[in-house]
Amino acid sequence: MKFTQYFQSMRQRPDRSGIELAWIERVIDQPVKQTIQPDGRIRCWAAIDEADGRYLRVVLLEDGETIHNAFFDRSFTP
């Protein structure tokens, strides 16, 4: 996995430090929804059973490989 400096910085926040890399990989591999932003970044969502079924959003750069952001999206509805 490749990461942006922004992702590595945000991962230090207490509300994001518990997000496991395995969960991020699962969202990328098996998203329930995927969209492309106007800037080319790719958003992926999937429910994480281990986190009480909350939806994790992962944002990838245009290359589809580099992780830019990952957080639990409270406003997402499948």
PDB file of N, CA and C in Angstrom:
ATOM      1  N   MET A   1       0.839  -1.190   0.000  1.00  0.00           N
ATOM      2  CA  MET A   1       0.000   0.000   0.000  1.00  0.00           C
ATOM      3  C   MET A   1       0.879   1.247   0.000  1.00  0.00           C
ATOM      4  N   LYS A   2       0.422   2.237  -0.759  1.00  0.00           N
ATOM      5  CA  LYS A   2       1.107   3.526  -0.780  1.00  0.00           C
ATOM      6  C   LYS A   2       0.207   4.547  -0.083  1.00  0.00           C
ATOM      7  N   PHE A   3       0.819   5.531   0.570  1.00  0.00           N
ATOM      8  CA  PHE A   3       0.076   6.528   1.329  1.00  0.00           C
ATOM      9  C   PHE A   3       0.604   7.924   1.028  1.00  0.00           C
ATOM     10  N   THR A   4      -0.307   8.899   1.060  1.00  0.00           N
ATOM     11  CA  THR A   4       0.137  10.287   0.963  1.00  0.00           C
ATOM     12  C   THR A   4       0.628  10.740   2.334  1.00  0.00           C
ATOM     13  N   GLN A   5       1.388  11.808   2.339  1.00  0.00           N
ATOM     14  CA  GLN A   5       1.842  12.405   3.600  1.00  0.00           C
ATOM     15  C   GLN A   5       0.632  12.860   4.418  1.00  0.00           C
ATOM     16  N   TYR A   6      -0.398  13.363   3.732  1.00  0.00           N
ATOM     17  CA  TYR A   6      -1.625  13.798   4.414  1.00  0.00           C
ATOM     18  C   TYR A   6      -2.249  12.636   5.183  1.00  0.00           C
ATOM     19  N   PHE A   7      -2.353  11.463   4.544  1.00  0.00           N
ATOM     20  CA  PHE A   7      -2.927  10.303   5.209  1.00  0.00           C
ATOM     21  C   PHE A   7      -2.112   9.947   6.446  1.00  0.00           C
ATOM     22  N   GLN A   8      -0.812   9.911   6.319  1.00  0.00           N
ATOM     23  CA  GLN A   8       0.037   9.553   7.446  1.00  0.00           C
ATOM     24  C   GLN A   8      -0.115  10.546   8.590  1.00  0.00           C
ATOM     25  N   SER A   9      -0.307  11.798   8.260  1.00  0.00           N
ATOM     26  CA  SER A   9      -0.520  12.820   9.285  1.00  0.00           C
ATOM     27  C   SER A   9      -1.883  12.644   9.964  1.00  0.00           C
ATOM     28  N   MET A  10      -2.925  12.441   9.161  1.00  0.00           N
ATOM     29  CA  MET A  10      -4.281  12.284   9.709  1.00  0.00           C
ATOM     30  C   MET A  10      -4.410  11.010  10.538  1.00  0.00           C
ATOM     31  N   ARG A  11      -3.636  10.009  10.220  1.00  0.00           N
ATOM     32  CA  ARG A  11      -3.689   8.736  10.937  1.00  0.00           C
ATOM     33  C   ARG A  11      -3.260   8.879  12.392  1.00  0.00           C
ATOM     34  N   GLN A  12      -2.581   9.953  12.717  1.00  0.00           N
ATOM     35  CA  GLN A  12      -2.140  10.201  14.086  1.00  0.00           C
ATOM     36  C   GLN A  12      -3.259  10.736  14.972  1.00  0.00           C
ATOM     37  N   ARG A  13      -4.353  11.196  14.359  1.00  0.00           N
ATOM     38  CA  ARG A  13      -5.473  11.730  15.146  1.00  0.00           C
ATOM     39  C   ARG A  13      -6.118  10.613  15.955  1.00  0.00           C
ATOM     40  N   PRO A  14      -6.542  10.902  17.175  1.00  0.00           N
ATOM     41  CA  PRO A  14      -7.153   9.860  18.021  1.00  0.00           C
ATOM     42  C   PRO A  14      -8.391   9.213  17.398  1.00  0.00           C
ATOM     43  N   ASP A  15      -9.186   9.978  16.663  1.00  0.00           N
ATOM     44  CA  ASP A  15     -10.401   9.413  16.069  1.00  0.00           C
ATOM     45  C   ASP A  15     -10.118   8.554  14.841  1.00  0.00           C
ATOM     46  N   ARG A  16      -8.886   8.571  14.353  1.00  0.00           N
ATOM     47  CA  ARG A  16      -8.554   7.772  13.165  1.00  0.00           C
ATOM     48  C   ARG A  16      -7.469   6.732  13.421  1.00  0.00           C
ATOM     49  N   SER A  17      -6.826   6.800  14.542  1.00  0.00           N
ATOM     50  CA  SER A  17      -5.715   5.880  14.811  1.00  0.00           C
ATOM     51  C   SER A  17      -6.173   4.430  14.949  1.00  0.00           C
ATOM     52  N   GLY A  18      -7.454   4.215  15.266  1.00  0.00           N
ATOM     53  CA  GLY A  18      -7.968   2.858  15.414  1.00  0.00           C
ATOM     54  C   GLY A  18      -8.400   2.202  14.122  1.00  0.00           C
ATOM     55  N   ILE A  19      -8.334   2.919  13.021  1.00  0.00           N
ATOM     56  CA  ILE A  19      -8.715   2.353  11.723  1.00  0.00           C
ATOM     57  C   ILE A  19      -7.593   1.431  11.256  1.00  0.00           C
ATOM     58  N   GLU A  20      -7.919   0.176  11.116  1.00  0.00           N
ATOM     59  CA  GLU A  20      -6.910  -0.824  10.757  1.00  0.00           C
ATOM     60  C   GLU A  20      -6.650  -0.834   9.251  1.00  0.00           C
ATOM     61  N   LEU A  21      -5.402  -1.088   8.891  1.00  0.00           N
ATOM     62  CA  LEU A  21      -5.045  -1.151   7.468  1.00  0.00           C
ATOM     63  C   LEU A  21      -5.796  -2.261   6.752  1.00  0.00           C
ATOM     64  N   ALA A  22      -6.094  -3.341   7.451  1.00  0.00           N
ATOM     65  CA  ALA A  22      -6.862  -4.433   6.841  1.00  0.00           C
ATOM     66  C   ALA A  22      -8.259  -3.965   6.457  1.00  0.00           C
ATOM     67  N   TRP A  23      -8.847  -3.086   7.268  1.00  0.00           N
ATOM     68  CA  TRP A  23     -10.174  -2.553   6.944  1.00  0.00           C
ATOM     69  C   TRP A  23     -10.102  -1.681   5.698  1.00  0.00           C
ATOM     70  N   ILE A  24      -9.054  -0.872   5.599  1.00  0.00           N
ATOM     71  CA  ILE A  24      -8.879   0.002   4.438  1.00  0.00           C
ATOM     72  C   ILE A  24      -8.743  -0.851   3.174  1.00  0.00           C
ATOM     73  N   GLU A  25      -7.944  -1.892   3.268  1.00  0.00           N
ATOM     74  CA  GLU A  25      -7.763  -2.788   2.122  1.00  0.00           C
ATOM     75  C   GLU A  25      -9.079  -3.454   1.726  1.00  0.00           C
ATOM     76  N   ARG A  26      -9.875  -3.837   2.709  1.00  0.00           N
ATOM     77  CA  ARG A  26     -11.178  -4.464   2.440  1.00  0.00           C
ATOM     78  C   ARG A  26     -12.106  -3.497   1.712  1.00  0.00           C
ATOM     79  N   VAL A  27     -12.113  -2.234   2.130  1.00  0.00           N
ATOM     80  CA  VAL A  27     -12.960  -1.228   1.468  1.00  0.00           C
ATOM     81  C   VAL A  27     -12.537  -1.057   0.018  1.00  0.00           C
ATOM     82  N   ILE A  28     -11.243  -1.027  -0.229  1.00  0.00           N
ATOM     83  CA  ILE A  28     -10.741  -0.859  -1.595  1.00  0.00           C
ATOM     84  C   ILE A  28     -11.098  -2.076  -2.455  1.00  0.00           C
ATOM     85  N   ASP A  29     -10.978  -3.265  -1.881  1.00  0.00           N
ATOM     86  CA  ASP A  29     -11.230  -4.492  -2.637  1.00  0.00           C
ATOM     87  C   ASP A  29     -12.703  -4.807  -2.831  1.00  0.00           C
ATOM     88  N   GLN A  30     -13.547  -4.414  -1.846  1.00  0.00           N
ATOM     89  CA  GLN A  30     -14.966  -4.780  -1.893  1.00  0.00           C
ATOM     90  C   GLN A  30     -15.862  -3.602  -1.500  1.00  0.00           C
ATOM     91  N   PRO A  31     -15.822  -2.513  -2.244  1.00  0.00           N
ATOM     92  CA  PRO A  31     -16.662  -1.367  -1.874  1.00  0.00           C
ATOM     93  C   PRO A  31     -18.143  -1.633  -2.154  1.00  0.00           C
ATOM     94  N   VAL A  32     -19.004  -1.073  -1.312  1.00  0.00           N
ATOM     95  CA  VAL A  32     -20.440  -1.140  -1.599  1.00  0.00           C
ATOM     96  C   VAL A  32     -20.829   0.008  -2.533  1.00  0.00           C
ATOM     97  N   LYS A  33     -19.980   1.046  -2.563  1.00  0.00           N
ATOM     98  CA  LYS A  33     -20.187   2.172  -3.477  1.00  0.00           C
ATOM     99  C   LYS A  33     -18.822   2.756  -3.803  1.00  0.00           C
ATOM    100  N   GLN A  34     -18.690   3.229  -5.041  1.00  0.00           N
ATOM    101  CA  GLN A  34     -17.458   3.865  -5.481  1.00  0.00           C
ATOM    102  C   GLN A  34     -17.820   5.015  -6.408  1.00  0.00           C
ATOM    103  N   THR A  35     -17.220   6.179  -6.181  1.00  0.00           N
ATOM    104  CA  THR A  35     -17.445   7.334  -7.043  1.00  0.00           C
ATOM    105  C   THR A  35     -16.106   7.994  -7.359  1.00  0.00           C
ATOM    106  N   ILE A  36     -16.108   8.752  -8.445  1.00  0.00           N
ATOM    107  CA  ILE A  36     -14.919   9.511  -8.817  1.00  0.00           C
ATOM    108  C   ILE A  36     -15.231  10.988  -8.643  1.00  0.00           C
ATOM    109  N   GLN A  37     -14.387  11.666  -7.874  1.00  0.00           N
ATOM    110  CA  GLN A  37     -14.558  13.099  -7.633  1.00  0.00           C
ATOM    111  C   GLN A  37     -14.139  13.875  -8.882  1.00  0.00           C
ATOM    112  N   PRO A  38     -14.557  15.132  -8.991  1.00  0.00           N
ATOM    113  CA  PRO A  38     -14.155  15.944 -10.147  1.00  0.00           C
ATOM    114  C   PRO A  38     -12.631  16.060 -10.320  1.00  0.00           C
ATOM    115  N   ASP A  39     -11.874  15.968  -9.217  1.00  0.00           N
ATOM    116  CA  ASP A  39     -10.412  16.061  -9.309  1.00  0.00           C
ATOM    117  C   ASP A  39      -9.754  14.717  -9.635  1.00  0.00           C
ATOM    118  N   GLY A  40     -10.573  13.670  -9.864  1.00  0.00           N
ATOM    119  CA  GLY A  40     -10.058  12.367 -10.243  1.00  0.00           C
ATOM    120  C   GLY A  40      -9.839  11.403  -9.088  1.00  0.00           C
ATOM    121  N   ARG A  41      -9.932  11.901  -7.861  1.00  0.00           N
ATOM    122  CA  ARG A  41      -9.775  11.002  -6.713  1.00  0.00           C
ATOM    123  C   ARG A  41     -10.962  10.053  -6.626  1.00  0.00           C
ATOM    124  N   ILE A  42     -10.705   8.890  -6.077  1.00  0.00           N
ATOM    125  CA  ILE A  42     -11.707   7.825  -6.034  1.00  0.00           C
ATOM    126  C   ILE A  42     -12.159   7.620  -4.590  1.00  0.00           C
ATOM    127  N   ARG A  43     -13.466   7.679  -4.381  1.00  0.00           N
ATOM    128  CA  ARG A  43     -14.043   7.421  -3.059  1.00  0.00           C
ATOM    129  C   ARG A  43     -14.637   6.023  -3.037  1.00  0.00           C
ATOM    130  N   CYS A  44     -14.354   5.273  -1.969  1.00  0.00           N
ATOM    131  CA  CYS A  44     -14.897   3.925  -1.782  1.00  0.00           C
ATOM    132  C   CYS A  44     -15.488   3.832  -0.377  1.00  0.00           C
ATOM    133  N   TRP A  45     -16.614   3.138  -0.255  1.00  0.00           N
ATOM    134  CA  TRP A  45     -17.256   2.925   1.047  1.00  0.00           C
ATOM    135  C   TRP A  45     -17.530   1.448   1.246  1.00  0.00           C
ATOM    136  N   ALA A  46     -17.450   1.012   2.506  1.00  0.00           N
ATOM    137  CA  ALA A  46     -17.879  -0.335   2.886  1.00  0.00           C
ATOM    138  C   ALA A  46     -18.136  -0.343   4.388  1.00  0.00           C
ATOM    139  N   ALA A  47     -19.059  -1.210   4.802  1.00  0.00           N
ATOM    140  CA  ALA A  47     -19.356  -1.363   6.229  1.00  0.00           C
ATOM    141  C   ALA A  47     -18.247  -2.197   6.874  1.00  0.00           C
ATOM    142  N   ILE A  48     -17.906  -1.827   8.090  1.00  0.00           N
ATOM    143  CA  ILE A  48     -16.897  -2.553   8.850  1.00  0.00           C
ATOM    144  C   ILE A  48     -17.594  -3.192  10.051  1.00  0.00           C
ATOM    145  N   ASP A  49     -17.789  -4.497   9.983  1.00  0.00           N
ATOM    146  CA  ASP A  49     -18.496  -5.214  11.047  1.00  0.00           C
ATOM    147  C   ASP A  49     -17.820  -5.036  12.403  1.00  0.00           C
ATOM    148  N   GLU A  50     -16.495  -5.042  12.408  1.00  0.00           N
ATOM    149  CA  GLU A  50     -15.737  -4.909  13.652  1.00  0.00           C
ATOM    150  C   GLU A  50     -15.892  -3.534  14.290  1.00  0.00           C
ATOM    151  N   ALA A  51     -16.420  -2.579  13.553  1.00  0.00           N
ATOM    152  CA  ALA A  51     -16.646  -1.215  14.060  1.00  0.00           C
ATOM    153  C   ALA A  51     -18.145  -0.944  14.131  1.00  0.00           C
ATOM    154  N   ASP A  52     -18.894  -1.940  14.585  1.00  0.00           N
ATOM    155  CA  ASP A  52     -20.348  -1.829  14.752  1.00  0.00           C
ATOM    156  C   ASP A  52     -21.079  -1.515  13.456  1.00  0.00           C
ATOM    157  N   GLY A  53     -20.524  -1.954  12.331  1.00  0.00           N
ATOM    158  CA  GLY A  53     -21.178  -1.778  11.046  1.00  0.00           C
ATOM    159  C   GLY A  53     -21.082  -0.383  10.465  1.00  0.00           C
ATOM    160  N   ARG A  54     -20.268   0.463  11.084  1.00  0.00           N
ATOM    161  CA  ARG A  54     -20.108   1.819  10.536  1.00  0.00           C
ATOM    162  C   ARG A  54     -19.426   1.752   9.174  1.00  0.00           C
ATOM    163  N   TYR A  55     -19.702   2.769   8.342  1.00  0.00           N
ATOM    164  CA  TYR A  55     -19.152   2.805   6.988  1.00  0.00           C
ATOM    165  C   TYR A  55     -17.846   3.585   6.965  1.00  0.00           C
ATOM    166  N   LEU A  56     -16.828   2.922   6.428  1.00  0.00           N
ATOM    167  CA  LEU A  56     -15.520   3.527   6.277  1.00  0.00           C
ATOM    168  C   LEU A  56     -15.405   4.070   4.859  1.00  0.00           C
ATOM    169  N   ARG A  57     -15.017   5.332   4.754  1.00  0.00           N
ATOM    170  CA  ARG A  57     -14.751   5.924   3.436  1.00  0.00           C
ATOM    171  C   ARG A  57     -13.248   5.979   3.245  1.00  0.00           C
ATOM    172  N   VAL A  58     -12.797   5.497   2.098  1.00  0.00           N
ATOM    173  CA  VAL A  58     -11.386   5.554   1.731  1.00  0.00           C
ATOM    174  C   VAL A  58     -11.293   6.372   0.455  1.00  0.00           C
ATOM    175  N   VAL A  59     -10.388   7.341   0.456  1.00  0.00           N
ATOM    176  CA  VAL A  59     -10.176   8.191  -0.712  1.00  0.00           C
ATOM    177  C   VAL A  59      -8.799   7.851  -1.291  1.00  0.00           C
ATOM    178  N   LEU A  60      -8.809   7.471  -2.562  1.00  0.00           N
ATOM    179  CA  LEU A  60      -7.580   7.135  -3.275  1.00  0.00           C
ATOM    180  C   LEU A  60      -7.235   8.242  -4.261  1.00  0.00           C
ATOM    181  N   LEU A  61      -5.956   8.397  -4.541  1.00  0.00           N
ATOM    182  CA  LEU A  61      -5.558   9.324  -5.593  1.00  0.00           C
ATOM    183  C   LEU A  61      -5.959   8.745  -6.944  1.00  0.00           C
ATOM    184  N   GLU A  62      -5.774   9.527  -7.988  1.00  0.00           N
ATOM    185  CA  GLU A  62      -6.183   9.145  -9.339  1.00  0.00           C
ATOM    186  C   GLU A  62      -5.564   7.834  -9.799  1.00  0.00           C
ATOM    187  N   ASP A  63      -4.418   7.483  -9.238  1.00  0.00           N
ATOM    188  CA  ASP A  63      -3.747   6.241  -9.660  1.00  0.00           C
ATOM    189  C   ASP A  63      -4.473   4.986  -9.170  1.00  0.00           C
ATOM    190  N   GLY A  64      -5.460   5.156  -8.273  1.00  0.00           N
ATOM    191  CA  GLY A  64      -6.228   4.029  -7.773  1.00  0.00           C
ATOM    192  C   GLY A  64      -5.487   3.173  -6.764  1.00  0.00           C
ATOM    193  N   GLU A  65      -4.292   3.590  -6.358  1.00  0.00           N
ATOM    194  CA  GLU A  65      -3.461   2.812  -5.438  1.00  0.00           C
ATOM    195  C   GLU A  65      -3.100   3.576  -4.164  1.00  0.00           C
ATOM    196  N   THR A  66      -2.839   4.856  -4.310  1.00  0.00           N
ATOM    197  CA  THR A  66      -2.329   5.645  -3.185  1.00  0.00           C
ATOM    198  C   THR A  66      -3.470   6.120  -2.310  1.00  0.00           C
ATOM    199  N   ILE A  67      -3.402   5.785  -1.021  1.00  0.00           N
ATOM    200  CA  ILE A  67      -4.455   6.144  -0.070  1.00  0.00           C
ATOM    201  C   ILE A  67      -4.202   7.563   0.424  1.00  0.00           C
ATOM    202  N   HIS A  68      -5.212   8.406   0.251  1.00  0.00           N
ATOM    203  CA  HIS A  68      -5.119   9.807   0.643  1.00  0.00           C
ATOM    204  C   HIS A  68      -5.853  10.084   1.958  1.00  0.00           C
ATOM    205  N   ASN A  69      -6.934   9.343   2.223  1.00  0.00           N
ATOM    206  CA  ASN A  69      -7.728   9.602   3.420  1.00  0.00           C
ATOM    207  C   ASN A  69      -8.552   8.356   3.749  1.00  0.00           C
ATOM    208  N   ALA A  70      -8.883   8.205   5.016  1.00  0.00           N
ATOM    209  CA  ALA A  70      -9.755   7.123   5.463  1.00  0.00           C
ATOM    210  C   ALA A  70     -10.404   7.554   6.766  1.00  0.00           C
ATOM    211  N   PHE A  71     -11.736   7.473   6.801  1.00  0.00           N
ATOM    212  CA  PHE A  71     -12.462   7.885   8.003  1.00  0.00           C
ATOM    213  C   PHE A  71     -13.847   7.265   7.987  1.00  0.00           C
ATOM    214  N   PHE A  72     -14.462   7.176   9.166  1.00  0.00           N
ATOM    215  CA  PHE A  72     -15.822   6.682   9.262  1.00  0.00           C
ATOM    216  C   PHE A  72     -16.768   7.812   8.858  1.00  0.00           C
ATOM    217  N   ASP A  73     -17.585   7.541   7.853  1.00  0.00           N
ATOM    218  CA  ASP A  73     -18.472   8.536   7.250  1.00  0.00           C
ATOM    219  C   ASP A  73     -19.851   8.438   7.885  1.00  0.00           C
ATOM    220  N   ARG A  74     -20.139   9.341   8.807  1.00  0.00           N
ATOM    221  CA  ARG A  74     -21.411   9.305   9.523  1.00  0.00           C
ATOM    222  C   ARG A  74     -22.610   9.626   8.646  1.00  0.00           C
ATOM    223  N   SER A  75     -22.388  10.318   7.540  1.00  0.00           N
ATOM    224  CA  SER A  75     -23.512  10.733   6.702  1.00  0.00           C
ATOM    225  C   SER A  75     -23.796   9.761   5.561  1.00  0.00           C
ATOM    226  N   PHE A  76     -22.985   8.719   5.397  1.00  0.00           N
ATOM    227  CA  PHE A  76     -23.173   7.795   4.279  1.00  0.00           C
ATOM    228  C   PHE A  76     -24.376   6.890   4.516  1.00  0.00           C
ATOM    229  N   THR A  77     -25.188   6.745   3.468  1.00  0.00           N
ATOM    230  CA  THR A  77     -26.284   5.777   3.488  1.00  0.00           C
ATOM    231  C   THR A  77     -26.162   4.934   2.222  1.00  0.00           C
ATOM    232  N   PRO A  78     -26.190   3.617   2.377  1.00  0.00           N
ATOM    233  CA  PRO A  78     -26.015   2.740   1.206  1.00  0.00           C
ATOM    234  C   PRO A  78     -27.206   2.790   0.259  1.00  0.00           C
TER     235      PRO A  78
END
